[in-house]
Amino acid sequence: DYNVVTAAEQAGRYGAVVEIVPETGRPLKRFCTLFRTAGERYWREWDREMQIDVTFPEAFGITPETMAAYPDTVESFARWRIVDGLFERQDGAVLLAGLYEASGHEDENDFYTNPRQRDRAWWLGLKRKLYGWDERWPDPVICPVTFEGAPATVVHEGTLAEAGMKPDTVDNINAVLTEWA
């Protein structure tokens, strides 16, 4: 619902909007995803519960026999990298929040519903509210859009006139792109 809270009481995704006001220059905003777990857990003990199977690429030159001889060492390294990653960047919160939200929707796993895309969609909704876009454009943008019927037409060689375009269209597009770049 994008409501302001002072504490994360419920499990799930939260967002922090941080405004940085430098002595000179314009203020900056940074947006950070946070995740509240469903249960209480001391994070430094959490790594022991994780099960990880690591297989290095053949190019590393580490044989399967060597990997089998050191499973605890390799798994411990991988577990600690994950735990450390949860503390160092918001990527861990993005992953956990996305997986938490996907519970019960596992059959919908595709590019548009992976944890990263869920995070982008969540922030889009919040930014619409923060910037007043939800009032100016009340219907949110839903992408991708599926169209029924025949597929899009094929691109053919031809002139602008044959495509129903004005003679100066290419120049106008190039001017906009040049100005933008």
N, C-alpha and C. Protein backbone atom coordinates (compact mmCIF):
# COMPACT_ATOMS: atom_id res chain seq x y z
N ASP A 1 0.81 -1.21 0.00
CA ASP A 1 0.00 0.00 0.00
C ASP A 1 0.85 1.26 0.00
N TYR A 2 2.14 1.10 0.16
CA TYR A 2 3.08 2.23 0.16
C TYR A 2 2.79 3.22 1.29
N ASN A 3 2.47 2.72 2.46
CA ASN A 3 2.23 3.59 3.60
C ASN A 3 3.52 3.80 4.38
N VAL A 4 3.66 4.97 4.98
CA VAL A 4 4.82 5.27 5.80
C VAL A 4 4.72 4.46 7.09
N VAL A 5 5.82 3.80 7.47
CA VAL A 5 5.87 3.05 8.72
C VAL A 5 7.12 3.45 9.49
N THR A 6 7.08 3.27 10.79
CA THR A 6 8.25 3.54 11.62
C THR A 6 8.96 2.26 12.01
N ALA A 7 8.32 1.12 11.79
CA ALA A 7 8.92 -0.18 12.07
C ALA A 7 8.33 -1.21 11.12
N ALA A 8 9.14 -2.17 10.72
CA ALA A 8 8.70 -3.24 9.83
C ALA A 8 8.06 -4.34 10.67
N GLU A 9 6.77 -4.24 10.89
CA GLU A 9 6.06 -5.19 11.76
C GLU A 9 5.67 -6.48 11.02
N GLN A 10 5.36 -6.37 9.74
CA GLN A 10 4.91 -7.52 8.96
C GLN A 10 6.03 -7.99 8.04
N ALA A 11 6.02 -9.29 7.73
CA ALA A 11 7.00 -9.83 6.79
C ALA A 11 6.74 -9.27 5.40
N GLY A 12 7.80 -9.09 4.63
CA GLY A 12 7.64 -8.66 3.25
C GLY A 12 8.56 -7.52 2.87
N ARG A 13 8.26 -6.93 1.74
CA ARG A 13 9.07 -5.87 1.15
C ARG A 13 8.77 -4.52 1.80
N TYR A 14 9.82 -3.76 2.00
CA TYR A 14 9.72 -2.37 2.44
C TYR A 14 10.67 -1.56 1.58
N GLY A 15 10.45 -0.27 1.52
CA GLY A 15 11.33 0.59 0.77
C GLY A 15 11.73 1.79 1.59
N ALA A 16 12.98 2.19 1.42
CA ALA A 16 13.46 3.40 2.08
C ALA A 16 13.82 4.41 1.00
N VAL A 17 13.31 5.62 1.15
CA VAL A 17 13.65 6.71 0.23
C VAL A 17 14.54 7.66 1.02
N VAL A 18 15.78 7.78 0.58
CA VAL A 18 16.77 8.60 1.28
C VAL A 18 17.05 9.83 0.43
N GLU A 19 16.92 11.00 1.04
CA GLU A 19 17.24 12.24 0.33
C GLU A 19 18.58 12.75 0.84
N ILE A 20 19.49 12.98 -0.08
CA ILE A 20 20.83 13.47 0.23
C ILE A 20 20.88 14.92 -0.20
N VAL A 21 21.18 15.81 0.75
CA VAL A 21 21.23 17.24 0.45
C VAL A 21 22.68 17.70 0.60
N PRO A 22 23.40 17.85 -0.52
CA PRO A 22 24.79 18.30 -0.44
C PRO A 22 24.86 19.79 -0.13
N GLU A 23 26.04 20.24 0.30
CA GLU A 23 26.22 21.66 0.59
C GLU A 23 26.03 22.49 -0.68
N THR A 24 26.48 21.96 -1.79
CA THR A 24 26.28 22.63 -3.08
C THR A 24 25.67 21.62 -4.04
N GLY A 25 24.91 22.10 -4.96
CA GLY A 25 24.28 21.22 -5.93
C GLY A 25 22.88 20.84 -5.53
N ARG A 26 22.30 20.00 -6.36
CA ARG A 26 20.91 19.60 -6.16
C ARG A 26 20.80 18.41 -5.22
N PRO A 27 19.70 18.35 -4.48
CA PRO A 27 19.47 17.17 -3.64
C PRO A 27 19.32 15.91 -4.50
N LEU A 28 19.71 14.80 -3.94
CA LEU A 28 19.62 13.51 -4.62
C LEU A 28 18.71 12.59 -3.82
N LYS A 29 18.01 11.70 -4.52
CA LYS A 29 17.21 10.69 -3.84
C LYS A 29 17.76 9.32 -4.20
N ARG A 30 17.82 8.47 -3.21
CA ARG A 30 18.22 7.08 -3.41
C ARG A 30 17.10 6.20 -2.88
N PHE A 31 16.83 5.13 -3.59
CA PHE A 31 15.74 4.22 -3.26
C PHE A 31 16.33 2.86 -2.91
N CYS A 32 15.97 2.34 -1.75
CA CYS A 32 16.57 1.10 -1.26
C CYS A 32 15.48 0.11 -0.85
N THR A 33 15.57 -1.09 -1.37
CA THR A 33 14.64 -2.15 -1.00
C THR A 33 15.12 -2.81 0.28
N LEU A 34 14.17 -3.05 1.18
CA LEU A 34 14.43 -3.74 2.45
C LEU A 34 13.49 -4.93 2.54
N PHE A 35 13.87 -5.93 3.34
CA PHE A 35 13.01 -7.10 3.50
C PHE A 35 12.94 -7.49 4.97
N ARG A 36 11.72 -7.71 5.44
CA ARG A 36 11.48 -8.16 6.81
C ARG A 36 11.14 -9.64 6.74
N THR A 37 11.92 -10.46 7.44
CA THR A 37 11.68 -11.90 7.43
C THR A 37 10.41 -12.24 8.21
N ALA A 38 9.87 -13.41 7.93
CA ALA A 38 8.65 -13.85 8.61
C ALA A 38 8.91 -14.23 10.06
N GLY A 39 10.13 -14.67 10.37
CA GLY A 39 10.46 -15.07 11.73
C GLY A 39 11.72 -14.39 12.22
N GLU A 40 11.91 -14.44 13.51
CA GLU A 40 13.12 -13.87 14.10
C GLU A 40 14.26 -14.87 13.93
N ARG A 41 15.41 -14.37 13.54
CA ARG A 41 16.56 -15.25 13.36
C ARG A 41 17.83 -14.43 13.46
N TYR A 42 18.81 -14.93 14.21
CA TYR A 42 20.11 -14.29 14.25
C TYR A 42 20.83 -14.63 12.94
N TRP A 43 21.13 -13.64 12.15
CA TRP A 43 21.62 -13.85 10.79
C TRP A 43 22.93 -14.61 10.72
N ARG A 44 23.79 -14.43 11.68
CA ARG A 44 25.08 -15.12 11.60
C ARG A 44 24.97 -16.62 11.87
N GLU A 45 23.85 -17.09 12.38
CA GLU A 45 23.63 -18.52 12.54
C GLU A 45 22.84 -19.10 11.37
N TRP A 46 22.26 -18.24 10.61
CA TRP A 46 21.37 -18.64 9.51
C TRP A 46 22.11 -19.43 8.44
N ASP A 47 23.39 -19.13 8.22
CA ASP A 47 24.11 -19.77 7.13
C ASP A 47 24.19 -21.28 7.29
N ARG A 48 24.15 -21.80 8.51
CA ARG A 48 24.26 -23.25 8.73
C ARG A 48 23.04 -24.01 8.21
N GLU A 49 21.93 -23.32 8.07
CA GLU A 49 20.71 -23.98 7.60
C GLU A 49 20.62 -24.05 6.08
N MET A 50 21.46 -23.28 5.39
CA MET A 50 21.42 -23.23 3.94
C MET A 50 22.08 -24.47 3.34
N GLN A 51 21.48 -25.03 2.32
CA GLN A 51 22.07 -26.14 1.58
C GLN A 51 22.50 -25.62 0.23
N ILE A 52 23.77 -25.78 -0.08
CA ILE A 52 24.31 -25.25 -1.34
C ILE A 52 25.11 -26.34 -2.03
N ASP A 53 24.89 -26.50 -3.32
CA ASP A 53 25.66 -27.43 -4.13
C ASP A 53 26.44 -26.60 -5.14
N VAL A 54 27.76 -26.65 -5.05
CA VAL A 54 28.60 -25.82 -5.90
C VAL A 54 29.31 -26.70 -6.93
N THR A 55 29.24 -26.29 -8.18
CA THR A 55 29.98 -26.93 -9.26
C THR A 55 30.71 -25.84 -10.02
N PHE A 56 32.03 -25.91 -10.03
CA PHE A 56 32.81 -24.91 -10.75
C PHE A 56 32.88 -25.27 -12.24
N PRO A 57 33.02 -24.26 -13.10
CA PRO A 57 33.20 -24.54 -14.53
C PRO A 57 34.49 -25.33 -14.77
N GLU A 58 34.49 -26.12 -15.81
CA GLU A 58 35.65 -26.93 -16.16
C GLU A 58 36.89 -26.06 -16.36
N ALA A 59 36.70 -24.85 -16.86
CA ALA A 59 37.83 -23.95 -17.13
C ALA A 59 38.62 -23.59 -15.87
N PHE A 60 38.02 -23.75 -14.69
CA PHE A 60 38.75 -23.46 -13.45
C PHE A 60 39.85 -24.48 -13.19
N GLY A 61 39.74 -25.66 -13.80
CA GLY A 61 40.76 -26.68 -13.62
C GLY A 61 40.66 -27.42 -12.29
N ILE A 62 39.53 -27.35 -11.64
CA ILE A 62 39.34 -28.05 -10.36
C ILE A 62 38.50 -29.29 -10.64
N THR A 63 39.06 -30.43 -10.35
CA THR A 63 38.40 -31.69 -10.69
C THR A 63 37.23 -31.97 -9.76
N PRO A 64 36.28 -32.77 -10.22
CA PRO A 64 35.17 -33.18 -9.34
C PRO A 64 35.68 -33.91 -8.09
N GLU A 65 36.78 -34.64 -8.23
CA GLU A 65 37.34 -35.36 -7.09
C GLU A 65 37.83 -34.39 -6.02
N THR A 66 38.45 -33.29 -6.46
CA THR A 66 38.92 -32.28 -5.51
C THR A 66 37.73 -31.62 -4.83
N MET A 67 36.70 -31.30 -5.59
CA MET A 67 35.50 -30.70 -5.02
C MET A 67 34.88 -31.65 -3.98
N ALA A 68 34.87 -32.94 -4.29
CA ALA A 68 34.29 -33.91 -3.36
C ALA A 68 35.11 -34.04 -2.09
N ALA A 69 36.41 -33.77 -2.18
CA ALA A 69 37.28 -33.87 -1.00
C ALA A 69 37.11 -32.68 -0.05
N TYR A 70 36.60 -31.55 -0.55
CA TYR A 70 36.48 -30.33 0.26
C TYR A 70 35.07 -29.74 0.25
N PRO A 71 34.05 -30.54 0.45
CA PRO A 71 32.69 -29.99 0.33
C PRO A 71 32.38 -28.94 1.39
N ASP A 72 32.82 -29.15 2.62
CA ASP A 72 32.52 -28.19 3.69
C ASP A 72 33.17 -26.84 3.44
N THR A 73 34.40 -26.86 2.95
CA THR A 73 35.13 -25.61 2.69
C THR A 73 34.45 -24.81 1.59
N VAL A 74 34.10 -25.47 0.50
CA VAL A 74 33.47 -24.79 -0.63
C VAL A 74 32.08 -24.30 -0.24
N GLU A 75 31.29 -25.14 0.41
CA GLU A 75 29.94 -24.73 0.81
C GLU A 75 29.96 -23.60 1.82
N SER A 76 30.91 -23.66 2.76
CA SER A 76 31.02 -22.58 3.75
C SER A 76 31.34 -21.26 3.07
N PHE A 77 32.26 -21.29 2.12
CA PHE A 77 32.60 -20.07 1.39
C PHE A 77 31.37 -19.51 0.68
N ALA A 78 30.64 -20.37 -0.02
CA ALA A 78 29.46 -19.92 -0.77
C ALA A 78 28.39 -19.38 0.18
N ARG A 79 28.15 -20.07 1.29
CA ARG A 79 27.15 -19.60 2.25
C ARG A 79 27.52 -18.23 2.81
N TRP A 80 28.78 -18.04 3.18
CA TRP A 80 29.19 -16.75 3.75
C TRP A 80 29.12 -15.64 2.73
N ARG A 81 29.39 -15.95 1.47
CA ARG A 81 29.27 -14.90 0.43
C ARG A 81 27.81 -14.47 0.32
N ILE A 82 26.90 -15.41 0.42
CA ILE A 82 25.47 -15.06 0.36
C ILE A 82 25.08 -14.23 1.58
N VAL A 83 25.46 -14.69 2.76
CA VAL A 83 25.12 -13.94 3.98
C VAL A 83 25.74 -12.55 3.94
N ASP A 84 27.02 -12.46 3.57
CA ASP A 84 27.66 -11.14 3.48
C ASP A 84 26.97 -10.26 2.44
N GLY A 85 26.56 -10.87 1.33
CA GLY A 85 25.86 -10.11 0.29
C GLY A 85 24.55 -9.51 0.78
N LEU A 86 23.90 -10.19 1.70
CA LEU A 86 22.66 -9.66 2.26
C LEU A 86 22.90 -8.41 3.08
N PHE A 87 24.08 -8.29 3.66
CA PHE A 87 24.41 -7.13 4.49
C PHE A 87 25.00 -5.98 3.68
N GLU A 88 25.68 -6.29 2.59
CA GLU A 88 26.45 -5.28 1.86
C GLU A 88 25.65 -4.54 0.80
N ARG A 89 24.64 -5.15 0.25
CA ARG A 89 23.88 -4.54 -0.85
C ARG A 89 22.41 -4.86 -0.69
N GLN A 90 21.60 -4.13 -1.42
CA GLN A 90 20.16 -4.39 -1.36
C GLN A 90 19.75 -5.58 -2.24
N ASP A 91 20.67 -6.12 -3.02
CA ASP A 91 20.33 -7.24 -3.90
C ASP A 91 19.75 -8.42 -3.13
N GLY A 92 20.26 -8.66 -1.92
CA GLY A 92 19.72 -9.75 -1.10
C GLY A 92 18.28 -9.50 -0.72
N ALA A 93 17.97 -8.26 -0.35
CA ALA A 93 16.58 -7.91 0.00
C ALA A 93 15.68 -8.02 -1.22
N VAL A 94 16.19 -7.62 -2.38
CA VAL A 94 15.42 -7.73 -3.63
C VAL A 94 15.10 -9.20 -3.90
N LEU A 95 16.10 -10.06 -3.76
CA LEU A 95 15.91 -11.49 -3.99
C LEU A 95 14.90 -12.07 -3.00
N LEU A 96 15.11 -11.82 -1.70
CA LEU A 96 14.22 -12.41 -0.70
C LEU A 96 12.79 -11.88 -0.81
N ALA A 97 12.63 -10.58 -1.05
CA ALA A 97 11.29 -10.00 -1.19
C ALA A 97 10.59 -10.59 -2.41
N GLY A 98 11.33 -10.70 -3.52
CA GLY A 98 10.73 -11.26 -4.74
C GLY A 98 10.31 -12.70 -4.57
N LEU A 99 11.15 -13.50 -3.91
CA LEU A 99 10.79 -14.90 -3.67
C LEU A 99 9.63 -15.01 -2.69
N TYR A 100 9.62 -14.15 -1.68
CA TYR A 100 8.52 -14.14 -0.70
C TYR A 100 7.20 -13.82 -1.40
N GLU A 101 7.21 -12.82 -2.28
CA GLU A 101 6.00 -12.43 -3.01
C GLU A 101 5.57 -13.49 -4.02
N ALA A 102 6.53 -14.30 -4.49
CA ALA A 102 6.22 -15.33 -5.49
C ALA A 102 5.59 -16.57 -4.86
N SER A 103 5.61 -16.67 -3.54
CA SER A 103 5.03 -17.85 -2.88
C SER A 103 3.58 -18.04 -3.32
N GLY A 104 3.30 -19.24 -3.82
CA GLY A 104 1.96 -19.54 -4.32
C GLY A 104 1.77 -19.20 -5.78
N HIS A 105 2.79 -18.59 -6.40
CA HIS A 105 2.70 -18.22 -7.82
C HIS A 105 3.89 -18.81 -8.59
N GLU A 106 4.40 -19.94 -8.15
CA GLU A 106 5.59 -20.51 -8.75
C GLU A 106 5.41 -20.84 -10.23
N ASP A 107 4.17 -21.10 -10.64
CA ASP A 107 3.90 -21.43 -12.05
C ASP A 107 4.01 -20.21 -12.95
N GLU A 108 4.14 -19.02 -12.38
CA GLU A 108 4.23 -17.79 -13.17
C GLU A 108 5.67 -17.33 -13.37
N ASN A 109 6.64 -18.19 -13.08
CA ASN A 109 8.05 -17.79 -13.16
C ASN A 109 8.48 -17.55 -14.60
N ASP A 110 8.73 -16.30 -14.92
CA ASP A 110 9.29 -15.93 -16.21
C ASP A 110 10.06 -14.63 -16.03
N PHE A 111 10.55 -14.06 -17.10
CA PHE A 111 11.35 -12.84 -17.02
C PHE A 111 10.60 -11.72 -16.30
N TYR A 112 9.31 -11.61 -16.53
CA TYR A 112 8.55 -10.48 -16.00
C TYR A 112 8.12 -10.67 -14.54
N THR A 113 8.31 -11.85 -14.00
CA THR A 113 7.91 -12.08 -12.61
C THR A 113 9.09 -12.49 -11.73
N ASN A 114 10.32 -12.42 -12.25
CA ASN A 114 11.46 -12.79 -11.41
C ASN A 114 11.66 -11.72 -10.33
N PRO A 115 12.42 -12.01 -9.29
CA PRO A 115 12.57 -11.06 -8.18
C PRO A 115 13.01 -9.65 -8.60
N ARG A 116 13.89 -9.53 -9.56
CA ARG A 116 14.37 -8.21 -9.99
C ARG A 116 13.23 -7.42 -10.63
N GLN A 117 12.43 -8.07 -11.48
CA GLN A 117 11.32 -7.38 -12.14
C GLN A 117 10.21 -7.05 -11.15
N ARG A 118 9.98 -7.92 -10.18
CA ARG A 118 9.00 -7.61 -9.14
C ARG A 118 9.43 -6.35 -8.38
N ASP A 119 10.73 -6.22 -8.13
CA ASP A 119 11.25 -5.05 -7.43
C ASP A 119 11.03 -3.79 -8.27
N ARG A 120 11.33 -3.87 -9.55
CA ARG A 120 11.14 -2.71 -10.43
C ARG A 120 9.67 -2.29 -10.46
N ALA A 121 8.78 -3.28 -10.53
CA ALA A 121 7.34 -2.97 -10.57
C ALA A 121 6.89 -2.34 -9.25
N TRP A 122 7.42 -2.82 -8.13
CA TRP A 122 7.06 -2.26 -6.83
C TRP A 122 7.50 -0.80 -6.74
N TRP A 123 8.73 -0.52 -7.15
CA TRP A 123 9.22 0.86 -7.09
C TRP A 123 8.47 1.76 -8.07
N LEU A 124 8.06 1.23 -9.20
CA LEU A 124 7.27 2.02 -10.14
C LEU A 124 5.98 2.47 -9.47
N GLY A 125 5.32 1.56 -8.76
CA GLY A 125 4.10 1.92 -8.05
C GLY A 125 4.34 2.98 -6.99
N LEU A 126 5.42 2.85 -6.23
CA LEU A 126 5.71 3.84 -5.19
C LEU A 126 6.06 5.19 -5.80
N LYS A 127 6.87 5.19 -6.84
CA LYS A 127 7.26 6.46 -7.48
C LYS A 127 6.05 7.13 -8.12
N ARG A 128 5.12 6.35 -8.65
CA ARG A 128 3.88 6.95 -9.17
C ARG A 128 3.18 7.72 -8.07
N LYS A 129 3.14 7.15 -6.87
CA LYS A 129 2.48 7.81 -5.74
C LYS A 129 3.30 9.01 -5.25
N LEU A 130 4.61 8.83 -5.09
CA LEU A 130 5.47 9.91 -4.58
C LEU A 130 5.45 11.14 -5.47
N TYR A 131 5.46 10.93 -6.77
CA TYR A 131 5.56 12.04 -7.72
C TYR A 131 4.20 12.51 -8.23
N GLY A 132 3.11 11.92 -7.75
CA GLY A 132 1.78 12.35 -8.16
C GLY A 132 1.35 11.82 -9.51
N TRP A 133 2.10 10.89 -10.07
CA TRP A 133 1.74 10.35 -11.38
C TRP A 133 0.47 9.51 -11.29
N ASP A 134 0.19 8.94 -10.12
CA ASP A 134 -1.01 8.12 -9.98
C ASP A 134 -2.28 8.95 -10.10
N GLU A 135 -2.20 10.25 -9.78
CA GLU A 135 -3.36 11.13 -9.94
C GLU A 135 -3.45 11.66 -11.37
N ARG A 136 -2.29 11.98 -11.94
CA ARG A 136 -2.28 12.52 -13.30
C ARG A 136 -2.64 11.43 -14.32
N TRP A 137 -2.09 10.24 -14.12
CA TRP A 137 -2.38 9.08 -14.98
C TRP A 137 -2.84 7.94 -14.08
N PRO A 138 -4.14 7.87 -13.78
CA PRO A 138 -4.62 6.89 -12.80
C PRO A 138 -4.43 5.43 -13.20
N ASP A 139 -4.38 5.14 -14.48
CA ASP A 139 -4.19 3.75 -14.90
C ASP A 139 -2.71 3.46 -15.01
N PRO A 140 -2.21 2.51 -14.22
CA PRO A 140 -0.78 2.19 -14.29
C PRO A 140 -0.42 1.55 -15.62
N VAL A 141 0.84 1.66 -15.97
CA VAL A 141 1.35 1.03 -17.19
C VAL A 141 1.55 -0.45 -16.88
N ILE A 142 0.95 -1.30 -17.66
CA ILE A 142 1.10 -2.74 -17.50
C ILE A 142 1.82 -3.26 -18.74
N CYS A 143 3.00 -3.80 -18.54
CA CYS A 143 3.78 -4.33 -19.65
C CYS A 143 4.27 -5.72 -19.29
N PRO A 144 4.48 -6.56 -20.23
CA PRO A 144 4.18 -6.39 -21.65
C PRO A 144 2.69 -6.55 -21.91
N VAL A 145 2.26 -6.00 -23.02
CA VAL A 145 0.86 -6.09 -23.42
C VAL A 145 0.76 -7.15 -24.52
N THR A 146 -0.17 -8.06 -24.37
CA THR A 146 -0.38 -9.09 -25.38
C THR A 146 -1.53 -8.65 -26.27
N PHE A 147 -1.31 -8.70 -27.57
CA PHE A 147 -2.33 -8.34 -28.53
C PHE A 147 -2.83 -9.59 -29.23
N GLU A 148 -4.13 -9.69 -29.35
CA GLU A 148 -4.73 -10.81 -30.06
C GLU A 148 -4.73 -10.51 -31.55
N GLY A 149 -4.72 -11.54 -32.35
CA GLY A 149 -4.81 -11.36 -33.78
C GLY A 149 -3.52 -11.69 -34.49
N ALA A 150 -3.43 -11.23 -35.73
CA ALA A 150 -2.27 -11.53 -36.57
C ALA A 150 -1.02 -10.88 -36.00
N PRO A 151 0.14 -11.50 -36.24
CA PRO A 151 1.39 -10.90 -35.74
C PRO A 151 1.68 -9.58 -36.45
N ALA A 152 2.61 -8.84 -35.89
CA ALA A 152 2.99 -7.55 -36.47
C ALA A 152 3.46 -7.74 -37.90
N THR A 153 3.30 -6.69 -38.68
CA THR A 153 3.71 -6.77 -40.08
C THR A 153 5.23 -6.89 -40.17
N VAL A 154 5.66 -7.42 -41.27
CA VAL A 154 7.08 -7.63 -41.52
C VAL A 154 7.68 -6.32 -42.02
N VAL A 155 8.91 -6.04 -41.61
CA VAL A 155 9.61 -4.85 -42.10
C VAL A 155 10.07 -5.14 -43.52
N HIS A 156 9.72 -4.25 -44.43
CA HIS A 156 10.08 -4.42 -45.84
C HIS A 156 10.97 -3.27 -46.29
N GLU A 157 11.78 -3.55 -47.28
CA GLU A 157 12.55 -2.49 -47.94
C GLU A 157 11.55 -1.58 -48.65
N GLY A 158 11.83 -0.30 -48.66
CA GLY A 158 10.93 0.61 -49.35
C GLY A 158 11.17 2.05 -48.96
N THR A 159 10.40 2.92 -49.52
CA THR A 159 10.55 4.35 -49.26
C THR A 159 9.65 4.78 -48.11
N LEU A 160 9.91 5.99 -47.60
CA LEU A 160 9.06 6.54 -46.55
C LEU A 160 7.63 6.69 -47.05
N ALA A 161 7.48 7.14 -48.28
CA ALA A 161 6.14 7.34 -48.84
C ALA A 161 5.38 6.02 -48.90
N GLU A 162 6.07 4.94 -49.28
CA GLU A 162 5.42 3.63 -49.34
C GLU A 162 4.97 3.16 -47.95
N ALA A 163 5.67 3.63 -46.92
CA ALA A 163 5.32 3.27 -45.54
C ALA A 163 4.30 4.23 -44.95
N GLY A 164 3.90 5.26 -45.72
CA GLY A 164 2.92 6.22 -45.24
C GLY A 164 3.51 7.26 -44.29
N MET A 165 4.81 7.52 -44.44
CA MET A 165 5.48 8.48 -43.56
C MET A 165 5.80 9.76 -44.32
N LYS A 166 5.95 10.85 -43.59
CA LYS A 166 6.30 12.13 -44.20
C LYS A 166 7.76 12.12 -44.64
N PRO A 167 8.11 12.91 -45.64
CA PRO A 167 9.48 12.91 -46.17
C PRO A 167 10.55 13.30 -45.15
N ASP A 168 10.21 14.13 -44.16
CA ASP A 168 11.23 14.59 -43.21
C ASP A 168 11.26 13.78 -41.91
N THR A 169 10.59 12.63 -41.87
CA THR A 169 10.51 11.83 -40.64
C THR A 169 11.88 11.39 -40.13
N VAL A 170 12.71 10.86 -41.02
CA VAL A 170 14.03 10.38 -40.60
C VAL A 170 14.86 11.52 -40.04
N ASP A 171 14.85 12.68 -40.71
CA ASP A 171 15.60 13.84 -40.22
C ASP A 171 15.09 14.29 -38.85
N ASN A 172 13.78 14.29 -38.67
CA ASN A 172 13.20 14.69 -37.38
C ASN A 172 13.59 13.73 -36.26
N ILE A 173 13.55 12.45 -36.54
CA ILE A 173 13.94 11.45 -35.53
C ILE A 173 15.42 11.60 -35.19
N ASN A 174 16.26 11.75 -36.21
CA ASN A 174 17.70 11.93 -35.98
C ASN A 174 17.99 13.19 -35.18
N ALA A 175 17.25 14.27 -35.43
CA ALA A 175 17.46 15.52 -34.69
C ALA A 175 17.13 15.33 -33.21
N VAL A 176 16.04 14.65 -32.93
CA VAL A 176 15.65 14.39 -31.53
C VAL A 176 16.70 13.52 -30.85
N LEU A 177 17.15 12.47 -31.52
CA LEU A 177 18.15 11.58 -30.93
C LEU A 177 19.49 12.29 -30.73
N THR A 178 19.88 13.13 -31.67
CA THR A 178 21.13 13.88 -31.53
C THR A 178 21.05 14.84 -30.36
N GLU A 179 19.93 15.52 -30.22
CA GLU A 179 19.75 16.45 -29.10
C GLU A 179 19.75 15.70 -27.78
N TRP A 180 19.12 14.54 -27.75
CA TRP A 180 19.03 13.74 -26.53
C TRP A 180 20.40 13.20 -26.12
N ALA A 181 21.18 12.75 -27.11
CA ALA A 181 22.50 12.16 -26.81
C ALA A 181 23.43 13.23 -26.36
